[in-house]
Amino acid sequence: MNPLIPSDRDWPEDSSDENGNYLSHCSSCGLTFIGHKRRYICRKCQREHDAWWAAMSPEERERKKAENERATQEMFKKLFKTLDKDEQV
């Protein structure tokens, strides 16, 4: 990939921002894109995710939100348990 050639993964609307021209790696597909330094997903993957989310029923969305919330809580429990053990050393 040549960062000088625009890609469907880039976020051109970010280019006017002070921090809008960073070369990043998408956390979904792993490919490189240009956008704001805090973006973690390329435009193509974001659009695919948006289409996937829009196709869900409201019930499916609520189930997915609850599933994500449980997974996040578990991740933080493990993280803080690890941090507590490190502090006791």
Protein backbone atom coordinates (compact mmCIF):
# COMPACT_ATOMS: atom_id res chain seq x y z
CA MET A 1 0.00 0.00 0.00
CA ASN A 2 1.28 3.43 -0.93
CA PRO A 3 0.12 6.02 1.65
CA LEU A 4 0.25 8.72 -1.03
CA ILE A 5 -2.50 7.02 -3.05
CA PRO A 6 -5.97 7.52 -1.52
CA SER A 7 -7.67 4.34 -0.37
CA ASP A 8 -11.25 3.37 0.47
CA ARG A 9 -9.89 2.67 3.96
CA ASP A 10 -8.81 6.29 4.57
CA TRP A 11 -10.82 8.99 6.35
CA PRO A 12 -10.35 12.05 4.07
CA GLU A 13 -12.70 14.17 6.21
CA ASP A 14 -10.11 13.94 9.02
CA SER A 15 -7.39 15.61 6.92
CA SER A 16 -8.40 19.15 7.89
CA ASP A 17 -7.89 18.34 11.60
CA GLU A 18 -4.53 18.97 13.22
CA ASN A 19 -4.25 15.27 14.07
CA GLY A 20 -6.04 13.98 10.98
CA ASN A 21 -3.24 12.64 8.81
CA TYR A 22 -1.85 9.76 10.85
CA LEU A 23 -0.94 6.43 9.30
CA SER A 24 -2.68 3.78 11.42
CA HIS A 25 -3.41 0.05 11.38
CA CYS A 26 -7.03 -1.07 11.49
CA SER A 27 -7.83 -3.19 14.54
CA SER A 28 -10.36 -5.16 12.49
CA CYS A 29 -8.55 -6.04 9.24
CA GLY A 30 -4.99 -5.06 10.15
CA LEU A 31 -4.49 -2.97 7.02
CA THR A 32 -3.09 0.57 6.98
CA PHE A 33 -5.23 3.69 6.63
CA ILE A 34 -4.89 7.46 7.02
CA GLY A 35 -7.09 9.28 9.50
CA HIS A 36 -7.29 10.93 12.89
CA LYS A 37 -4.71 9.61 15.33
CA ARG A 38 -7.43 8.26 17.65
CA ARG A 39 -9.19 6.19 14.97
CA TYR A 40 -8.69 2.48 15.44
CA ILE A 41 -10.73 1.14 12.53
CA CYS A 42 -10.52 1.93 8.82
CA ARG A 43 -13.40 3.47 6.91
CA LYS A 44 -14.14 0.25 4.96
CA CYS A 45 -14.40 -1.89 8.12
CA GLN A 46 -16.46 0.81 9.85
CA ARG A 47 -18.94 0.84 6.97
CA GLU A 48 -19.17 -2.96 7.05
CA HIS A 49 -19.79 -2.83 10.80
CA ASP A 50 -22.44 -0.12 10.38
CA ALA A 51 -24.25 -2.22 7.75
CA TRP A 52 -24.04 -5.31 10.00
CA TRP A 53 -25.44 -3.33 12.95
CA ALA A 54 -28.23 -1.76 10.85
CA ALA A 55 -29.34 -5.20 9.65
CA MET A 56 -29.93 -6.38 13.23
CA SER A 57 -33.32 -6.26 14.87
CA PRO A 58 -33.66 -4.12 18.02
CA GLU A 59 -33.73 -7.31 20.10
CA GLU A 60 -30.50 -8.57 18.52
CA ARG A 61 -28.86 -5.21 19.17
CA GLU A 62 -29.84 -5.31 22.83
CA ARG A 63 -28.49 -8.86 23.18
CA LYS A 64 -25.23 -7.84 21.53
CA LYS A 65 -24.92 -4.76 23.78
CA ALA A 66 -25.48 -6.92 26.87
CA GLU A 67 -22.95 -9.49 25.63
CA ASN A 68 -20.37 -6.74 25.03
CA GLU A 69 -21.03 -5.25 28.47
CA ARG A 70 -20.47 -8.64 30.15
CA ALA A 71 -17.26 -9.19 28.17
CA THR A 72 -16.00 -5.72 29.11
CA GLN A 73 -16.77 -6.29 32.79
CA GLU A 74 -14.93 -9.63 32.72
CA MET A 75 -11.94 -8.02 31.03
CA PHE A 76 -11.74 -5.31 33.71
CA LYS A 77 -12.14 -7.86 36.52
CA LYS A 78 -9.19 -9.82 35.14
CA LEU A 79 -7.18 -6.64 34.62
CA PHE A 80 -7.74 -5.35 38.13
CA LYS A 81 -7.11 -8.78 39.64
CA THR A 82 -3.75 -8.79 37.82
CA LEU A 83 -2.99 -5.27 39.02
CA ASP A 84 -3.83 -6.21 42.62
CA LYS A 85 -1.40 -9.16 42.46
CA ASP A 86 1.33 -6.89 41.04
CA GLU A 87 0.88 -4.39 43.88
CA GLN A 88 1.24 -7.12 46.51
CA VAL A 89 4.61 -8.23 45.18
